[in-house]
C-alpha atoms as a PDB file:
ATOM      1  CA  MET A   1       0.000   0.000   0.000  1.00  0.00           C
ATOM      2  CA  SER A   2       1.539   3.233  -1.074  1.00  0.00           C
ATOM      3  CA  SER A   3       0.725   6.862  -0.527  1.00  0.00           C
ATOM      4  CA  ALA A   4      -1.998   6.341  -3.153  1.00  0.00           C
ATOM      5  CA  THR A   5      -3.621   3.639  -1.032  1.00  0.00           C
ATOM      6  CA  ALA A   6      -7.326   3.825  -0.443  1.00  0.00           C
ATOM      7  CA  TRP A   7      -7.497   2.897   3.231  1.00  0.00           C
ATOM      8  CA  PRO A   8     -10.779   1.366   4.371  1.00  0.00           C
ATOM      9  CA  PRO A   9     -13.097   3.933   5.967  1.00  0.00           C
ATOM     10  CA  ALA A  10     -14.374   3.302   9.488  1.00  0.00           C
ATOM     11  CA  GLU A  11     -17.814   1.726   9.479  1.00  0.00           C
ATOM     12  CA  PRO A  12     -20.343   1.362  12.288  1.00  0.00           C
ATOM     13  CA  LEU A  13     -19.628  -1.800  14.295  1.00  0.00           C
ATOM     14  CA  THR A  14     -21.371  -3.539  17.146  1.00  0.00           C
ATOM     15  CA  SER A  15     -20.288  -5.801  19.947  1.00  0.00           C
ATOM     16  CA  THR A  16     -22.242  -7.415  22.734  1.00  0.00           C
ATOM     17  CA  ARG A  17     -22.434  -4.266  24.870  1.00  0.00           C
ATOM     18  CA  LEU A  18     -21.240  -1.494  22.583  1.00  0.00           C
ATOM     19  CA  LEU A  19     -22.034   0.447  19.452  1.00  0.00           C
ATOM     20  CA  LEU A  20     -18.830   1.568  17.739  1.00  0.00           C
ATOM     21  CA  GLU A  21     -19.627   4.791  15.907  1.00  0.00           C
ATOM     22  CA  PRO A  22     -17.174   6.164  13.343  1.00  0.00           C
ATOM     23  CA  LEU A  23     -15.738   9.387  14.718  1.00  0.00           C
ATOM     24  CA  ARG A  24     -17.248  12.688  13.634  1.00  0.00           C
ATOM     25  CA  PRO A  25     -16.447  16.212  14.826  1.00  0.00           C
ATOM     26  CA  GLY A  26     -19.892  16.427  16.436  1.00  0.00           C
ATOM     27  CA  HIS A  27     -18.765  13.871  19.039  1.00  0.00           C
ATOM     28  CA  ALA A  28     -16.521  16.513  20.638  1.00  0.00           C
ATOM     29  CA  ASP A  29     -19.101  18.074  22.956  1.00  0.00           C
ATOM     30  CA  GLU A  30     -20.107  14.705  24.363  1.00  0.00           C
ATOM     31  CA  ALA A  31     -16.569  13.274  24.440  1.00  0.00           C
ATOM     32  CA  VAL A  32     -15.134  16.208  26.385  1.00  0.00           C
ATOM     33  CA  VAL A  33     -17.211  15.095  29.384  1.00  0.00           C
ATOM     34  CA  MET A  34     -15.983  11.494  29.157  1.00  0.00           C
ATOM     35  CA  LEU A  35     -12.374  12.671  28.759  1.00  0.00           C
ATOM     36  CA  SER A  36     -12.488  15.222  31.593  1.00  0.00           C
ATOM     37  CA  ASP A  37     -11.226  12.964  34.398  1.00  0.00           C
ATOM     38  CA  THR A  38      -7.551  13.745  35.029  1.00  0.00           C
ATOM     39  CA  ASP A  39      -6.982  10.107  36.097  1.00  0.00           C
ATOM     40  CA  LEU A  40      -7.180   9.140  32.405  1.00  0.00           C
ATOM     41  CA  TYR A  41      -3.890  10.950  31.773  1.00  0.00           C
ATOM     42  CA  THR A  42      -1.783   9.227  34.448  1.00  0.00           C
ATOM     43  CA  PHE A  43      -0.075   6.987  31.896  1.00  0.00           C
ATOM     44  CA  ILE A  44      -0.743   8.672  28.556  1.00  0.00           C
ATOM     45  CA  GLY A  45       0.215  12.160  29.683  1.00  0.00           C
ATOM     46  CA  GLY A  46      -1.436  15.422  28.846  1.00  0.00           C
ATOM     47  CA  ASN A  47      -4.519  17.033  30.281  1.00  0.00           C
ATOM     48  CA  PRO A  48      -8.231  16.889  29.581  1.00  0.00           C
ATOM     49  CA  PRO A  49      -8.943  18.642  26.266  1.00  0.00           C
ATOM     50  CA  THR A  50     -11.444  21.391  25.662  1.00  0.00           C
ATOM     51  CA  ALA A  51     -14.360  20.812  23.313  1.00  0.00           C
ATOM     52  CA  SER A  52     -12.817  23.141  20.717  1.00  0.00           C
ATOM     53  CA  LEU A  53      -9.480  21.275  20.811  1.00  0.00           C
ATOM     54  CA  LEU A  54     -11.271  17.945  20.484  1.00  0.00           C
ATOM     55  CA  ARG A  55     -13.372  19.209  17.586  1.00  0.00           C
ATOM     56  CA  ALA A  56     -10.248  20.406  15.750  1.00  0.00           C
ATOM     57  CA  ARG A  57      -8.507  17.059  16.405  1.00  0.00           C
ATOM     58  CA  TYR A  58     -11.553  15.128  15.241  1.00  0.00           C
ATOM     59  CA  GLU A  59     -11.775  17.249  12.076  1.00  0.00           C
ATOM     60  CA  ARG A  60      -8.199  16.198  11.235  1.00  0.00           C
ATOM     61  CA  GLN A  61      -8.774  12.554  12.125  1.00  0.00           C
ATOM     62  CA  VAL A  62     -11.948  12.081  10.073  1.00  0.00           C
ATOM     63  CA  ALA A  63      -9.834  12.627   6.940  1.00  0.00           C
ATOM     64  CA  GLY A  64      -9.171   8.901   7.314  1.00  0.00           C
ATOM     65  CA  GLN A  65      -5.497   9.120   6.477  1.00  0.00           C
ATOM     66  CA  SER A  66      -2.316  10.997   7.225  1.00  0.00           C
ATOM     67  CA  PRO A  67      -1.539  14.038   5.026  1.00  0.00           C
ATOM     68  CA  ALA A  68       1.024  11.959   3.088  1.00  0.00           C
ATOM     69  CA  GLY A  69      -1.460   9.104   2.703  1.00  0.00           C
ATOM     70  CA  ASP A  70       0.979   6.568   4.140  1.00  0.00           C
ATOM     71  CA  GLN A  71      -1.238   5.792   7.143  1.00  0.00           C
ATOM     72  CA  GLY A  72      -4.922   5.102   7.492  1.00  0.00           C
ATOM     73  CA  TRP A  73      -6.638   6.699  10.486  1.00  0.00           C
ATOM     74  CA  LEU A  74      -9.717   4.936  11.825  1.00  0.00           C
ATOM     75  CA  ASN A  75     -11.448   6.100  14.977  1.00  0.00           C
ATOM     76  CA  TRP A  76     -14.556   4.925  16.769  1.00  0.00           C
ATOM     77  CA  MET A  77     -16.514   6.305  19.684  1.00  0.00           C
ATOM     78  CA  LEU A  78     -17.798   3.552  21.968  1.00  0.00           C
ATOM     79  CA  ARG A  79     -21.401   3.953  23.018  1.00  0.00           C
ATOM     80  CA  ASP A  80     -22.919   1.813  25.780  1.00  0.00           C
ATOM     81  CA  ARG A  81     -25.853   0.013  24.146  1.00  0.00           C
ATOM     82  CA  GLU A  82     -27.845   0.013  27.390  1.00  0.00           C
ATOM     83  CA  THR A  83     -27.429   3.639  28.507  1.00  0.00           C
ATOM     84  CA  GLY A  84     -26.543   5.362  25.215  1.00  0.00           C
ATOM     85  CA  GLU A  85     -23.602   7.114  26.918  1.00  0.00           C
ATOM     86  CA  LEU A  86     -20.138   7.408  25.417  1.00  0.00           C
ATOM     87  CA  ALA A  87     -17.914   4.911  27.193  1.00  0.00           C
ATOM     88  CA  GLY A  88     -14.614   5.370  25.368  1.00  0.00           C
ATOM     89  CA  THR A  89     -12.728   5.317  22.091  1.00  0.00           C
ATOM     90  CA  VAL A  90     -10.772   2.885  19.959  1.00  0.00           C
ATOM     91  CA  GLN A  91      -8.485   3.906  17.166  1.00  0.00           C
ATOM     92  CA  ALA A  92      -6.496   2.010  14.576  1.00  0.00           C
ATOM     93  CA  THR A  93      -3.592   3.474  12.655  1.00  0.00           C
ATOM     94  CA  LEU A  94      -3.035   1.410   9.522  1.00  0.00           C
ATOM     95  CA  PHE A  95       0.301   1.138   7.753  1.00  0.00           C
ATOM     96  CA  VAL A  96       2.450  -1.158   5.676  1.00  0.00           C
ATOM     97  CA  PRO A  97       5.812  -1.804   7.377  1.00  0.00           C
ATOM     98  CA  PRO A  98       8.917  -0.605   5.517  1.00  0.00           C
ATOM     99  CA  GLY A  99      10.369  -3.257   3.235  1.00  0.00           C
ATOM    100  CA  THR A 100       7.013  -4.908   2.552  1.00  0.00           C
ATOM    101  CA  THR A 101       4.302  -4.222   0.049  1.00  0.00           C
ATOM    102  CA  GLY A 102       0.590  -4.026   0.459  1.00  0.00           C
ATOM    103  CA  ASP A 103       0.261  -7.018  -1.864  1.00  0.00           C
ATOM    104  CA  GLY A 104      -0.258 -10.233   0.006  1.00  0.00           C
ATOM    105  CA  GLY A 105      -1.864  -8.533   2.995  1.00  0.00           C
ATOM    106  CA  ARG A 106       0.985  -6.963   4.945  1.00  0.00           C
ATOM    107  CA  MET A 107      -1.145  -4.253   6.548  1.00  0.00           C
ATOM    108  CA  THR A 108      -0.459  -3.634  10.232  1.00  0.00           C
ATOM    109  CA  ALA A 109      -2.947  -1.967  12.545  1.00  0.00           C
ATOM    110  CA  GLU A 110      -1.734  -0.169  15.635  1.00  0.00           C
ATOM    111  CA  LEU A 111      -4.536  -0.089  18.175  1.00  0.00           C
ATOM    112  CA  ALA A 112      -5.178   2.343  21.004  1.00  0.00           C
ATOM    113  CA  TRP A 113      -8.062   2.637  23.429  1.00  0.00           C
ATOM    114  CA  ILE A 114      -9.384   4.914  26.139  1.00  0.00           C
ATOM    115  CA  ILE A 115     -12.240   3.955  28.418  1.00  0.00           C
ATOM    116  CA  GLY A 116     -13.942   6.596  30.551  1.00  0.00           C
ATOM    117  CA  THR A 117     -13.297   6.065  34.248  1.00  0.00           C
ATOM    118  CA  THR A 118     -16.931   5.235  35.049  1.00  0.00           C
ATOM    119  CA  TYR A 119     -16.783   2.376  32.520  1.00  0.00           C
ATOM    120  CA  GLN A 120     -13.378   0.937  33.399  1.00  0.00           C
ATOM    121  CA  GLY A 121     -12.924  -2.578  34.741  1.00  0.00           C
ATOM    122  CA  ARG A 122     -15.742  -4.105  32.677  1.00  0.00           C
ATOM    123  CA  GLY A 123     -13.740  -5.486  29.749  1.00  0.00           C
ATOM    124  CA  LEU A 124     -15.075  -2.888  27.310  1.00  0.00           C
ATOM    125  CA  ALA A 125     -11.670  -1.996  25.837  1.00  0.00           C
ATOM    126  CA  THR A 126     -11.047  -5.653  25.026  1.00  0.00           C
ATOM    127  CA  GLU A 127     -14.550  -6.081  23.603  1.00  0.00           C
ATOM    128  CA  ALA A 128     -14.279  -3.017  21.383  1.00  0.00           C
ATOM    129  CA  ALA A 129     -10.734  -3.723  20.215  1.00  0.00           C
ATOM    130  CA  ARG A 130     -11.700  -7.321  19.335  1.00  0.00           C
ATOM    131  CA  ALA A 131     -14.559  -6.022  17.193  1.00  0.00           C
ATOM    132  CA  VAL A 132     -12.156  -3.660  15.412  1.00  0.00           C
ATOM    133  CA  MET A 133      -9.545  -6.419  14.974  1.00  0.00           C
ATOM    134  CA  ALA A 134     -12.100  -8.795  13.421  1.00  0.00           C
ATOM    135  CA  TRP A 135     -13.330  -6.064  11.087  1.00  0.00           C
ATOM    136  CA  LEU A 136      -9.772  -5.098  10.056  1.00  0.00           C
ATOM    137  CA  THR A 137      -8.748  -8.713   9.520  1.00  0.00           C
ATOM    138  CA  GLY A 138     -11.528  -8.904   6.942  1.00  0.00           C
ATOM    139  CA  ARG A 139      -9.954  -5.898   5.220  1.00  0.00           C
ATOM    140  CA  GLY A 140      -6.409  -7.223   4.995  1.00  0.00           C
ATOM    141  CA  ALA A 141      -4.770  -6.532   8.356  1.00  0.00           C
ATOM    142  CA  VAL A 142      -2.375  -9.362   9.208  1.00  0.00           C
ATOM    143  CA  ARG A 143      -0.631  -7.903  12.222  1.00  0.00           C
ATOM    144  CA  PHE A 144      -1.742  -5.894  15.215  1.00  0.00           C
ATOM    145  CA  GLN A 145       0.225  -3.906  17.733  1.00  0.00           C
ATOM    146  CA  ALA A 146      -0.259  -1.478  20.579  1.00  0.00           C
ATOM    147  CA  HIS A 147       1.995   0.693  22.709  1.00  0.00           C
ATOM    148  CA  VAL A 148       1.434   0.374  26.438  1.00  0.00           C
ATOM    149  CA  HIS A 149       3.085   2.333  29.229  1.00  0.00           C
ATOM    150  CA  PRO A 150       5.042  -0.043  31.506  1.00  0.00           C
ATOM    151  CA  GLY A 151       3.098  -0.528  34.690  1.00  0.00           C
ATOM    152  CA  HIS A 152      -0.290   0.282  33.156  1.00  0.00           C
ATOM    153  CA  ALA A 153      -1.732  -3.031  34.338  1.00  0.00           C
ATOM    154  CA  ALA A 154      -5.209  -2.500  32.863  1.00  0.00           C
ATOM    155  CA  SER A 155      -3.899  -1.813  29.346  1.00  0.00           C
ATOM    156  CA  GLU A 156      -1.422  -4.678  29.653  1.00  0.00           C
ATOM    157  CA  ARG A 157      -4.373  -6.986  30.447  1.00  0.00           C
ATOM    158  CA  VAL A 158      -6.264  -5.680  27.425  1.00  0.00           C
ATOM    159  CA  ALA A 159      -3.242  -6.293  25.193  1.00  0.00           C
ATOM    160  CA  ARG A 160      -2.863  -9.849  26.537  1.00  0.00           C
ATOM    161  CA  HIS A 161      -6.574 -10.559  26.029  1.00  0.00           C
ATOM    162  CA  LEU A 162      -6.182  -9.388  22.425  1.00  0.00           C
ATOM    163  CA  GLY A 163      -3.407 -11.931  21.886  1.00  0.00           C
ATOM    164  CA  LEU A 164      -0.613  -9.343  21.839  1.00  0.00           C
ATOM    165  CA  ARG A 165       2.763  -9.984  23.442  1.00  0.00           C
ATOM    166  CA  PRO A 166       5.244  -7.437  24.786  1.00  0.00           C
ATOM    167  CA  THR A 167       8.409  -6.902  22.781  1.00  0.00           C
ATOM    168  CA  SER A 168      11.707  -5.271  23.658  1.00  0.00           C
ATOM    169  CA  VAL A 169      10.826  -2.269  21.458  1.00  0.00           C
ATOM    170  CA  GLN A 170      10.244   0.979  23.360  1.00  0.00           C
ATOM    171  CA  VAL A 171       8.611   3.986  21.678  1.00  0.00           C
ATOM    172  CA  ASP A 172       8.277   7.215  23.667  1.00  0.00           C
ATOM    173  CA  GLY A 173       8.643   5.266  26.929  1.00  0.00           C
ATOM    174  CA  GLU A 174       5.975   2.730  26.007  1.00  0.00           C
ATOM    175  CA  THR A 175       6.407  -0.968  25.270  1.00  0.00           C
ATOM    176  CA  GLN A 176       5.353  -2.189  21.860  1.00  0.00           C
ATOM    177  CA  TRP A 177       3.050  -5.202  22.031  1.00  0.00           C
ATOM    178  CA  THR A 178       2.479  -7.228  18.869  1.00  0.00           C
ATOM    179  CA  SER A 179       0.580 -10.205  17.519  1.00  0.00           C
END
C-alpha cells in the first residue's frame, strides 16, 4: 500500500455491549465530558482537552489518512448500548511496514483505546478492540500492535486478552506489544 492507497473507511460496528460509531467532529461536545477525568492521563500524559481542541482534532482525524497518505486513520466512539452514553474510544492506525508491500496482505494496525473512568474494569476496551480487529482482519490486516506504558496493568491486560505480546521495542517510553 503506497501513498496512493485507499485505506478502508471506518464503518459502524457492534459488539455485545457497545455500538462503535465512526468518529465525527460532532462527538466533541459529548466526548469532552468522558475525557475530563484527570486520572485518564496518568499513563498517557497530557490534560483533559477542551471541546474546541477535540473538535479540531476530530476534524483532522476524520480525513481517514495521514496528510502523506501513508497511514490510514480509523477512529470509533464507543457507546454503551444500554445507557446510550459514550464509554470510550478505539483507534487504529493502519500502515504497511517498511520493506514490505501491500500485496499479500501486509497491513499492520496499531490499536489504542481509552475507556472513561466510570466504565473501566468491565472489559469494554477488550470487547471493542476485538470487534475492530475482526473487522480489520476482513480488510487485509495481518498484524496488530499497541503501545502500552510499563506498569499500566489495565492496558497490559487488554493487550494480553487481544493476543498481543510485549516486545523489547520501546517507543516514547511505552512498550510495543504485537501479535
